Amino acid sequence: MAPSMAAVSALALPALLLLLLLLGRWKRWRRRHAARHVAVVVLGDVGRSPRMQYHALSLAKHGFLVTLLGFYDSKPYDEILQSNRIQIEGLRELPRLAVGPRVLQYGVKVVFQAVQLLYALMVKVAPSAYIFLQNPPGLPAIAVCWLAGCLSGSKLVIDWHNYGYSIMGLEHGPSHPLVWLAKWYEKLCGRLSHLNLCVTNAMREDLAVNWSIKAVTVHDKPASFFKETPLDVQHQLFVKLAHTHPAFRDGSEPSGVERSVFTEQDPWSRTVVPRPGRPALLVSSTSWTEDEDFSILLAALEKFEQLALDGEPLPPLVCVITGRGPLKEHYGRLISQQRFQHVRVCTPWLEAEDYPLLLGSADLGVCLHKSSSGLDLPMKVVDMFGCCLPVCAVSFKCLHELVKHEENGLVFRDGEELAAQLQMLFSKFPDPAGKLHQLRKNLRESTQLRWDKSWEQIVLPLIVDR
């Protein structure tokens, strides 16, 4: 028996060395073929992950071939679809289990996603020099991407948008075992990356102090297509939306003039002009999740309605809330219960190309994002500022990195304070001497760095030099 075991041991060592040699050669082959390819991973809807789409576009503009890996539920930007250097590789959602405890359902989902993602990275995606990963969600994506990188020689770059455990805490409570497990996992696996990016200086400091992770701040910046919308393009958008949303529809008698509630076009000269006495257009975008309390906006709209009924010189108001998410139906019921006379609310889902046009057409943006961690910033405000759209934003810890009170927008704490701001901004609308006009003027005169230039200055040197 002893000789047999010795023979096995003698054969095992060379076999192991041969396996390691072959693995090393394979990894070197992968690196040579991966030099100009990057995998950008979103364990979520690619179309609702603008920052990762921006990463993909910037990488492509600087000569990389990119595979954008994620769920394909919403249409990405046209620039993504039209680029011959970007390929989208779709992941499949696991149908939700109808039986068993929620912990078991979550566990099955994590295992399914882990296997699918590892298979995609190792088999379906070309060899990659880097794997850019959005976090959250990081469970199981961080560990899977790290493992794939170890096996194939790719370097893992984590882009920290927030903490996944803090988002889970909104639903389950901060002391729930799943939340503690998620935090431990995120903290441990987050240290496995080669490079970390994050969205605020506050998050960078928190990662360094509490997680021992060194990160580079890459503030969100608007893409070049977020800009003020010309009046004729506004008109086309309003007429298009009027087909499905009565809030945009003109209620007057047919006259041969093409009209929306905001604009009208002369049938002879084709010139577009604003409608006299038109409503003000307020826009808010949301993912309809627990970190955005839309009861604040509804309370402010109720107060605005009452002020108008009491004779305050306020315009009619069209409030457009865009987005998809789990709480949309809940707030939809609350909105339908209102009996507004001066306020009209609609909740459309906009195509990717229409959303920037709507922001560029609006008079005021409202942001109710509070951040589950208090360390990330709402990208929707970045996009609004790109369109020179003043913003009223609910206050939280690091909002000052983006919104400068009384300069590019206003900060509020509750519905009462937001209502007072709406009253002040829309009083005698559209008064060119009013505060709303001054905030827009400040945004027009400010030097806004766009995403492309910011990425080129901060991120590109980090991946070229490594």
Protein backbone atom coordinates (compact mmCIF):
# COMPACT_ATOMS: atom_id res chain seq x y z
CA MET A 1 0.00 0.00 0.00
CA ALA A 2 2.81 2.37 0.92
CA PRO A 3 4.59 2.15 -2.45
CA SER A 4 1.31 2.85 -4.19
CA MET A 5 0.77 6.02 -2.16
CA ALA A 6 4.34 7.14 -2.82
CA ALA A 7 3.84 6.60 -6.54
CA VAL A 8 0.66 8.64 -6.48
CA SER A 9 2.47 11.44 -4.62
CA ALA A 10 5.34 11.32 -7.09
CA LEU A 11 2.92 11.71 -10.01
CA ALA A 12 0.77 14.37 -8.31
CA LEU A 13 3.54 16.96 -7.93
CA PRO A 14 4.57 17.02 -11.61
CA ALA A 15 0.90 17.03 -12.64
CA LEU A 16 0.25 20.04 -10.41
CA LEU A 17 3.31 21.85 -11.76
CA LEU A 18 2.18 21.11 -15.33
CA LEU A 19 -1.29 22.43 -14.55
CA LEU A 20 0.13 25.65 -13.11
CA LEU A 21 2.44 26.03 -16.13
CA LEU A 22 -0.45 25.60 -18.54
CA LEU A 23 -2.58 28.05 -16.51
CA GLY A 24 0.24 30.58 -16.59
CA ARG A 25 0.68 30.22 -20.34
CA TRP A 26 -3.09 30.55 -20.86
CA LYS A 27 -3.21 33.70 -18.75
CA ARG A 28 -0.33 35.23 -20.73
CA TRP A 29 -2.15 34.36 -23.97
CA ARG A 30 -5.30 35.96 -22.58
CA ARG A 31 -3.41 39.13 -21.58
CA ARG A 32 -1.93 39.52 -25.09
CA HIS A 33 -5.38 39.21 -26.65
CA ALA A 34 -7.04 41.34 -23.95
CA ALA A 35 -4.86 44.44 -24.18
CA ARG A 36 -7.56 46.57 -25.84
CA HIS A 37 -10.72 44.93 -24.53
CA VAL A 38 -12.71 45.82 -21.39
CA ALA A 39 -15.75 44.14 -19.87
CA VAL A 40 -18.19 46.56 -18.22
CA VAL A 41 -20.45 44.64 -15.82
CA VAL A 42 -23.81 45.73 -14.41
CA LEU A 43 -25.73 43.12 -12.44
CA GLY A 44 -28.82 45.17 -13.21
CA ASP A 45 -30.59 46.91 -16.10
CA VAL A 46 -28.00 48.31 -18.51
CA GLY A 47 -30.44 50.92 -19.81
CA ARG A 48 -30.93 52.33 -16.30
CA SER A 49 -27.20 52.42 -15.50
CA PRO A 50 -26.09 55.67 -17.18
CA ARG A 51 -22.72 55.96 -15.46
CA MET A 52 -21.62 52.50 -16.65
CA GLN A 53 -22.85 53.36 -20.15
CA TYR A 54 -20.69 56.49 -19.95
CA HIS A 55 -17.69 54.35 -18.94
CA ALA A 56 -18.32 52.12 -21.96
CA LEU A 57 -18.57 55.09 -24.33
CA SER A 58 -15.40 56.71 -22.95
CA LEU A 59 -13.46 53.45 -23.21
CA ALA A 60 -14.65 53.01 -26.80
CA LYS A 61 -13.67 56.58 -27.72
CA HIS A 62 -10.15 55.88 -26.48
CA GLY A 63 -9.63 52.80 -28.60
CA PHE A 64 -10.90 49.97 -26.40
CA LEU A 65 -13.31 47.28 -27.52
CA VAL A 66 -16.03 47.00 -24.89
CA THR A 67 -18.48 44.30 -23.89
CA LEU A 68 -21.32 45.72 -21.79
CA LEU A 69 -22.66 42.88 -19.68
CA GLY A 70 -25.99 43.13 -17.84
CA PHE A 71 -29.77 42.78 -18.02
CA TYR A 72 -31.27 44.26 -21.16
CA ASP A 73 -34.63 45.50 -19.82
CA SER A 74 -34.50 49.12 -20.99
CA LYS A 75 -33.08 50.61 -24.15
CA PRO A 76 -29.54 52.00 -23.69
CA TYR A 77 -28.42 55.30 -25.19
CA ASP A 78 -28.35 55.47 -28.99
CA GLU A 79 -24.59 56.13 -28.85
CA ILE A 80 -24.14 52.71 -27.21
CA LEU A 81 -26.27 50.93 -29.80
CA GLN A 82 -24.61 52.70 -32.73
CA SER A 83 -21.00 52.19 -31.62
CA ASN A 84 -19.12 49.50 -33.56
CA ARG A 85 -16.73 49.15 -30.60
CA ILE A 86 -19.38 48.26 -28.00
CA GLN A 87 -21.15 44.93 -27.80
CA ILE A 88 -23.99 44.24 -25.36
CA GLU A 89 -24.09 40.77 -23.83
CA GLY A 90 -27.41 40.22 -22.09
CA LEU A 91 -27.87 38.31 -18.85
CA ARG A 92 -31.08 36.48 -17.98
CA GLU A 93 -33.24 37.29 -14.97
CA LEU A 94 -34.21 34.31 -12.81
CA PRO A 95 -38.01 34.09 -12.56
CA ARG A 96 -39.04 34.83 -9.00
CA LEU A 97 -39.75 31.71 -6.94
CA ALA A 98 -43.26 31.53 -5.54
CA VAL A 99 -42.45 29.03 -2.79
CA GLY A 100 -40.10 28.84 0.18
CA PRO A 101 -38.85 31.49 2.62
CA ARG A 102 -37.43 34.74 1.26
CA VAL A 103 -33.93 33.85 2.43
CA LEU A 104 -34.03 30.68 0.32
CA GLN A 105 -35.38 32.58 -2.68
CA TYR A 106 -32.59 35.14 -2.34
CA GLY A 107 -29.98 32.39 -2.00
CA VAL A 108 -31.16 30.64 -5.16
CA LYS A 109 -31.07 33.95 -7.03
CA VAL A 110 -27.49 34.66 -5.89
CA VAL A 111 -26.26 31.20 -6.95
CA PHE A 112 -28.00 31.49 -10.33
CA GLN A 113 -26.48 34.94 -10.95
CA ALA A 114 -23.02 33.79 -9.86
CA VAL A 115 -22.98 30.81 -12.23
CA GLN A 116 -24.40 32.81 -15.13
CA LEU A 117 -21.99 35.72 -14.67
CA LEU A 118 -18.91 33.48 -14.32
CA TYR A 119 -19.89 31.55 -17.45
CA ALA A 120 -20.41 34.79 -19.38
CA LEU A 121 -17.06 36.28 -18.33
CA MET A 122 -15.07 33.09 -18.99
CA VAL A 123 -16.79 31.80 -22.14
CA LYS A 124 -18.99 34.39 -23.87
CA VAL A 125 -16.90 37.56 -23.32
CA ALA A 126 -13.61 38.09 -25.13
CA PRO A 127 -10.38 38.22 -23.05
CA SER A 128 -10.36 41.50 -21.11
CA ALA A 129 -7.60 43.67 -19.70
CA TYR A 130 -10.07 45.14 -17.18
CA ILE A 131 -13.42 44.28 -15.71
CA PHE A 132 -15.28 47.47 -14.75
CA LEU A 133 -17.93 46.53 -12.18
CA GLN A 134 -20.77 48.67 -10.84
CA ASN A 135 -21.41 48.34 -7.12
CA PRO A 136 -24.14 47.99 -5.95
CA PRO A 137 -25.29 45.39 -6.62
CA GLY A 138 -22.09 43.63 -5.57
CA LEU A 139 -23.45 40.32 -4.31
CA PRO A 140 -22.35 38.04 -5.94
CA ALA A 141 -20.75 40.16 -8.68
CA ILE A 142 -17.61 41.31 -6.81
CA ALA A 143 -16.47 37.79 -5.90
CA VAL A 144 -17.35 36.39 -9.34
CA CYS A 145 -15.54 39.16 -11.22
CA TRP A 146 -12.49 38.77 -8.96
CA LEU A 147 -12.44 35.01 -9.60
CA ALA A 148 -12.81 35.51 -13.33
CA GLY A 149 -9.96 38.01 -13.19
CA CYS A 150 -7.74 35.56 -11.32
CA LEU A 151 -8.40 32.85 -13.88
CA SER A 152 -8.02 35.03 -16.96
CA GLY A 153 -5.60 37.77 -15.93
CA SER A 154 -8.14 40.61 -15.98
CA LYS A 155 -7.83 43.46 -13.47
CA LEU A 156 -10.93 44.29 -11.46
CA VAL A 157 -12.09 47.94 -11.25
CA ILE A 158 -14.98 48.57 -8.85
CA ASP A 159 -17.02 51.73 -9.34
CA TRP A 160 -18.67 52.43 -5.98
CA HIS A 161 -22.02 54.18 -6.53
CA ASN A 162 -23.30 53.38 -3.02
CA TYR A 163 -23.21 50.49 -0.55
CA GLY A 164 -25.41 47.51 -1.31
CA TYR A 165 -25.91 46.62 2.35
CA SER A 166 -27.29 50.09 3.11
CA ILE A 167 -29.88 49.72 0.34
CA MET A 168 -30.88 46.30 1.73
CA GLY A 169 -31.20 47.95 5.14
CA LEU A 170 -33.99 50.20 3.84
CA GLU A 171 -36.16 47.13 3.27
CA HIS A 172 -35.04 44.76 6.03
CA GLY A 173 -33.72 47.11 8.71
CA PRO A 174 -30.03 47.71 9.54
CA SER A 175 -29.82 44.87 12.09
CA HIS A 176 -31.20 42.12 9.84
CA PRO A 177 -28.81 39.15 9.45
CA LEU A 178 -28.87 39.46 5.65
CA VAL A 179 -27.80 43.10 5.93
CA TRP A 180 -24.92 42.18 8.25
CA LEU A 181 -23.86 39.39 5.88
CA ALA A 182 -24.01 41.74 2.90
CA LYS A 183 -21.89 44.33 4.70
CA TRP A 184 -19.27 41.75 5.69
CA TYR A 185 -19.15 40.42 2.12
CA GLU A 186 -18.93 43.89 0.57
CA LYS A 187 -16.19 45.00 2.96
CA LEU A 188 -14.12 41.83 2.48
CA CYS A 189 -14.50 41.40 -1.28
CA GLY A 190 -14.22 45.12 -1.99
CA ARG A 191 -10.52 44.88 -1.03
CA LEU A 192 -9.84 42.38 -3.82
CA SER A 193 -9.96 44.92 -6.64
CA HIS A 194 -6.98 46.44 -8.43
CA LEU A 195 -8.59 49.87 -8.65
CA ASN A 196 -11.54 51.56 -6.94
CA LEU A 197 -13.54 54.53 -8.20
CA CYS A 198 -16.27 56.29 -6.23
CA VAL A 199 -18.82 59.05 -6.73
CA THR A 200 -18.08 61.48 -3.86
CA ASN A 201 -15.24 62.65 -1.67
CA ALA A 202 -17.33 61.62 1.34
CA MET A 203 -17.49 58.03 0.07
CA ARG A 204 -13.78 58.03 -0.70
CA GLU A 205 -13.03 59.03 2.90
CA ASP A 206 -15.46 56.46 4.30
CA LEU A 207 -13.93 53.68 2.18
CA ALA A 208 -10.46 54.64 3.41
CA VAL A 209 -11.30 55.01 7.11
CA ASN A 210 -13.86 52.24 7.66
CA TRP A 211 -13.10 49.75 4.87
CA SER A 212 -9.32 50.19 4.32
CA ILE A 213 -10.02 50.68 0.61
CA LYS A 214 -8.21 53.38 -1.35
CA ALA A 215 -10.48 54.90 -4.01
CA VAL A 216 -10.35 57.74 -6.53
CA THR A 217 -13.27 60.17 -6.69
CA VAL A 218 -14.89 60.44 -10.11
CA HIS A 219 -17.81 62.79 -9.68
CA ASP A 220 -20.78 62.23 -11.97
CA LYS A 221 -20.77 64.70 -14.85
CA PRO A 222 -23.43 65.24 -17.50
CA ALA A 223 -22.95 63.74 -20.94
CA SER A 224 -22.81 66.12 -23.88
CA PHE A 225 -26.40 65.34 -24.92
CA PHE A 226 -27.78 66.86 -21.70
CA LYS A 227 -28.32 70.47 -22.76
CA GLU A 228 -31.09 73.03 -23.16
CA THR A 229 -33.65 71.91 -25.74
CA PRO A 230 -34.46 74.29 -28.64
CA LEU A 231 -38.09 75.44 -28.68
CA ASP A 232 -38.98 73.64 -31.93
CA VAL A 233 -37.64 70.36 -30.52
CA GLN A 234 -39.55 71.00 -27.28
CA HIS A 235 -42.71 71.33 -29.34
CA GLN A 236 -42.09 68.02 -31.13
CA LEU A 237 -41.56 66.29 -27.79
CA PHE A 238 -44.68 67.81 -26.20
CA VAL A 239 -46.85 66.86 -29.19
CA LYS A 240 -45.46 63.32 -29.09
CA LEU A 241 -46.14 62.96 -25.35
CA ALA A 242 -49.63 64.45 -25.75
CA HIS A 243 -50.68 61.31 -27.66
CA THR A 244 -50.32 59.20 -24.50
CA HIS A 245 -50.38 61.71 -21.62
CA PRO A 246 -53.28 64.19 -21.29
CA ALA A 247 -51.17 66.55 -19.15
CA PHE A 248 -49.38 67.65 -22.35
CA ARG A 249 -52.55 67.92 -24.39
CA ASP A 250 -54.10 71.20 -25.50
CA GLY A 251 -57.76 71.40 -24.46
CA SER A 252 -58.90 74.17 -26.78
CA GLU A 253 -61.08 73.77 -29.87
CA PRO A 254 -59.35 72.54 -33.09
CA SER A 255 -58.10 75.50 -35.13
CA GLY A 256 -55.62 74.07 -37.62
CA VAL A 257 -52.74 75.14 -35.37
CA GLU A 258 -50.59 72.35 -33.95
CA ARG A 259 -50.55 72.88 -30.21
CA SER A 260 -49.42 71.36 -26.96
CA VAL A 261 -50.34 72.78 -23.59
CA PHE A 262 -46.95 74.57 -23.62
CA THR A 263 -46.31 75.50 -27.27
CA GLU A 264 -47.95 76.14 -30.61
CA GLN A 265 -46.70 76.16 -34.19
CA ASP A 266 -47.78 78.66 -36.83
CA PRO A 267 -49.16 76.63 -39.78
CA TRP A 268 -47.65 78.99 -42.39
CA SER A 269 -44.23 79.97 -41.07
CA ARG A 270 -43.79 76.77 -38.99
CA THR A 271 -42.46 78.99 -36.23
CA VAL A 272 -42.91 77.62 -32.69
CA VAL A 273 -43.78 79.98 -29.85
CA PRO A 274 -44.64 79.45 -26.17
CA ARG A 275 -48.37 79.48 -25.40
CA PRO A 276 -49.53 82.63 -23.59
CA GLY A 277 -50.26 81.77 -19.96
CA ARG A 278 -48.69 78.35 -20.37
CA PRO A 279 -48.21 76.10 -17.33
CA ALA A 280 -44.87 75.76 -15.60
CA LEU A 281 -43.17 72.40 -16.18
CA LEU A 282 -41.71 70.66 -13.14
CA VAL A 283 -39.74 67.43 -13.63
CA SER A 284 -38.62 64.79 -11.17
CA SER A 285 -37.04 61.44 -12.05
CA THR A 286 -36.93 58.44 -9.77
CA SER A 287 -36.35 54.70 -9.48
CA TRP A 288 -39.37 54.56 -7.14
CA THR A 289 -37.44 53.02 -4.23
CA GLU A 290 -37.39 53.49 -0.45
CA ASP A 291 -34.64 56.12 -0.56
CA GLU A 292 -36.99 58.62 -2.27
CA ASP A 293 -40.04 59.77 -0.29
CA PHE A 294 -42.49 61.16 -2.84
CA SER A 295 -45.01 61.98 -0.14
CA ILE A 296 -42.84 65.10 0.35
CA LEU A 297 -43.53 66.25 -3.20
CA LEU A 298 -47.24 65.38 -2.96
CA ALA A 299 -47.53 67.43 0.24
CA ALA A 300 -45.82 70.38 -1.48
CA LEU A 301 -48.15 70.10 -4.50
CA GLU A 302 -51.19 70.08 -2.20
CA LYS A 303 -49.94 73.28 -0.57
CA PHE A 304 -49.22 74.81 -4.01
CA GLU A 305 -52.76 73.94 -5.10
CA GLN A 306 -54.26 75.58 -2.03
CA LEU A 307 -52.18 78.74 -2.51
CA ALA A 308 -53.42 79.00 -6.13
CA LEU A 309 -57.02 78.53 -5.01
CA ASP A 310 -56.50 81.27 -2.40
CA GLY A 311 -55.55 83.74 -5.13
CA GLU A 312 -51.73 83.64 -5.10
CA PRO A 313 -50.30 84.67 -8.52
CA LEU A 314 -49.12 81.16 -9.40
CA PRO A 315 -49.24 79.48 -12.84
CA PRO A 316 -50.88 76.15 -13.59
CA LEU A 317 -48.31 73.42 -12.95
CA VAL A 318 -47.57 70.24 -14.89
CA CYS A 319 -45.52 67.83 -12.76
CA VAL A 320 -43.83 65.00 -14.69
CA ILE A 321 -42.32 62.16 -12.64
CA THR A 322 -40.33 59.76 -14.80
CA GLY A 323 -38.94 56.32 -14.02
CA ARG A 324 -39.73 52.73 -13.11
CA GLY A 325 -39.50 50.92 -9.82
CA PRO A 326 -41.21 48.88 -7.11
CA LEU A 327 -43.08 51.75 -5.43
CA LYS A 328 -44.51 53.33 -8.59
CA GLU A 329 -47.87 51.61 -8.19
CA HIS A 330 -48.12 52.70 -4.54
CA TYR A 331 -47.51 56.36 -5.34
CA GLY A 332 -49.68 56.10 -8.45
CA ARG A 333 -52.64 55.27 -6.20
CA LEU A 334 -51.87 58.26 -3.97
CA ILE A 335 -51.63 60.57 -6.98
CA SER A 336 -54.93 59.29 -8.43
CA GLN A 337 -56.69 60.17 -5.16
CA GLN A 338 -55.82 63.86 -5.56
CA ARG A 339 -58.40 66.22 -7.04
CA PHE A 340 -56.11 68.98 -8.25
CA GLN A 341 -57.43 71.90 -10.32
CA HIS A 342 -54.19 73.85 -10.88
CA VAL A 343 -51.74 70.92 -10.82
CA ARG A 344 -51.54 68.00 -13.26
CA VAL A 345 -49.30 65.01 -12.51
CA CYS A 346 -48.20 62.30 -14.93
CA THR A 347 -45.70 59.45 -14.51
CA PRO A 348 -44.42 58.41 -17.95
CA TRP A 349 -41.56 56.08 -18.80
CA LEU A 350 -39.43 57.91 -21.36
CA GLU A 351 -37.18 56.48 -24.02
CA ALA A 352 -33.48 57.16 -23.46
CA GLU A 353 -33.35 59.79 -26.20
CA ASP A 354 -36.44 61.67 -24.89
CA TYR A 355 -35.32 62.06 -21.29
CA PRO A 356 -32.59 64.66 -21.96
CA LEU A 357 -35.03 66.58 -24.18
CA LEU A 358 -37.58 66.72 -21.36
CA LEU A 359 -35.01 67.99 -18.85
CA GLY A 360 -33.86 70.59 -21.36
CA SER A 361 -37.48 71.75 -21.76
CA ALA A 362 -38.43 72.00 -18.08
CA ASP A 363 -38.60 75.02 -15.79
CA LEU A 364 -37.61 73.33 -12.53
CA GLY A 365 -36.29 69.98 -11.36
CA VAL A 366 -37.08 68.36 -8.00
CA CYS A 367 -34.90 65.67 -6.44
CA LEU A 368 -36.07 63.53 -3.50
CA HIS A 369 -33.07 61.18 -3.41
CA LYS A 370 -31.75 60.91 0.15
CA SER A 371 -29.09 58.16 -0.26
CA SER A 372 -29.26 55.04 1.90
CA SER A 373 -25.65 55.56 2.96
CA GLY A 374 -25.64 59.37 2.86
CA LEU A 375 -22.49 59.12 0.73
CA ASP A 376 -23.65 59.10 -2.91
CA LEU A 377 -25.10 61.88 -5.03
CA PRO A 378 -28.15 61.82 -7.32
CA MET A 379 -27.10 61.58 -10.95
CA LYS A 380 -30.47 63.00 -11.96
CA VAL A 381 -29.36 66.37 -10.55
CA VAL A 382 -26.12 66.17 -12.54
CA ASP A 383 -28.18 65.64 -15.70
CA MET A 384 -30.49 68.53 -14.79
CA PHE A 385 -27.54 70.85 -14.28
CA GLY A 386 -26.20 69.76 -17.68
CA CYS A 387 -29.48 71.11 -19.10
CA CYS A 388 -29.09 74.35 -17.08
CA LEU A 389 -32.20 73.31 -15.14
CA PRO A 390 -32.42 74.72 -11.59
CA VAL A 391 -33.12 72.12 -8.90
CA CYS A 392 -34.83 71.88 -5.54
CA ALA A 393 -33.21 68.93 -3.72
CA VAL A 394 -33.93 67.29 -0.37
CA SER A 395 -31.04 67.71 2.06
CA PHE A 396 -28.65 64.95 3.15
CA LYS A 397 -25.06 64.66 4.34
CA CYS A 398 -22.90 65.19 1.25
CA LEU A 399 -25.35 67.02 -1.05
CA HIS A 400 -23.19 70.15 -0.78
CA GLU A 401 -20.67 68.49 -3.14
CA LEU A 402 -23.23 69.02 -5.90
CA VAL A 403 -26.01 71.46 -4.99
CA LYS A 404 -24.94 74.93 -3.85
CA HIS A 405 -27.91 76.49 -2.05
CA GLU A 406 -29.06 79.77 -3.66
CA GLU A 407 -26.44 79.37 -6.45
CA ASN A 408 -27.50 76.50 -8.71
CA GLY A 409 -30.55 75.37 -6.77
CA LEU A 410 -32.31 75.25 -3.42
CA VAL A 411 -32.14 72.68 -0.61
CA PHE A 412 -35.19 71.72 1.46
CA ARG A 413 -35.91 69.43 4.41
CA ASP A 414 -39.65 68.69 4.16
CA GLY A 415 -42.80 69.26 2.14
CA GLU A 416 -43.58 72.57 3.84
CA GLU A 417 -40.19 74.00 2.91
CA LEU A 418 -40.45 72.68 -0.66
CA ALA A 419 -43.91 74.26 -1.01
CA ALA A 420 -42.50 77.61 0.08
CA GLN A 421 -39.73 77.29 -2.51
CA LEU A 422 -42.21 76.44 -5.27
CA GLN A 423 -44.29 79.48 -4.28
CA MET A 424 -41.26 81.76 -4.38
CA LEU A 425 -39.83 80.40 -7.65
CA PHE A 426 -43.12 80.35 -9.57
CA SER A 427 -44.59 83.59 -8.25
CA LYS A 428 -45.50 85.75 -11.27
CA PHE A 429 -44.08 83.07 -13.62
CA PRO A 430 -42.40 83.52 -16.09
CA ASP A 431 -40.93 86.67 -14.54
CA PRO A 432 -37.43 87.26 -16.06
CA ALA A 433 -36.42 89.10 -12.90
CA GLY A 434 -37.40 86.23 -10.59
CA LYS A 435 -35.23 83.83 -8.61
CA LEU A 436 -35.88 80.94 -11.00
CA HIS A 437 -34.44 82.91 -13.91
CA GLN A 438 -31.42 83.92 -11.79
CA LEU A 439 -30.63 80.29 -10.88
CA ARG A 440 -30.78 79.30 -14.55
CA LYS A 441 -28.54 82.24 -15.45
CA ASN A 442 -26.00 81.08 -12.86
CA LEU A 443 -25.98 77.59 -14.39
CA ARG A 444 -25.52 78.97 -17.90
CA GLU A 445 -22.58 81.08 -16.78
CA SER A 446 -20.90 78.32 -14.76
CA THR A 447 -18.12 76.24 -16.30
CA GLN A 448 -19.54 72.73 -16.27
CA LEU A 449 -17.01 69.98 -16.92
CA ARG A 450 -18.59 67.24 -19.05
CA TRP A 451 -18.18 63.51 -18.49
CA ASP A 452 -15.81 62.92 -21.44
CA LYS A 453 -13.26 65.49 -20.32
CA SER A 454 -13.52 64.48 -16.64
CA TRP A 455 -13.05 60.77 -17.50
CA GLU A 456 -10.10 61.57 -19.73
CA GLN A 457 -8.41 63.53 -16.95
CA ILE A 458 -9.08 61.11 -14.05
CA VAL A 459 -9.78 57.56 -15.22
CA LEU A 460 -7.82 57.15 -18.44
CA PRO A 461 -4.36 57.69 -16.83
CA LEU A 462 -5.22 55.09 -14.16
CA ILE A 463 -5.86 52.30 -16.67
CA VAL A 464 -3.18 53.28 -19.20
CA ASP A 465 -0.38 53.46 -16.62
CA ARG A 466 -1.16 50.17 -14.89
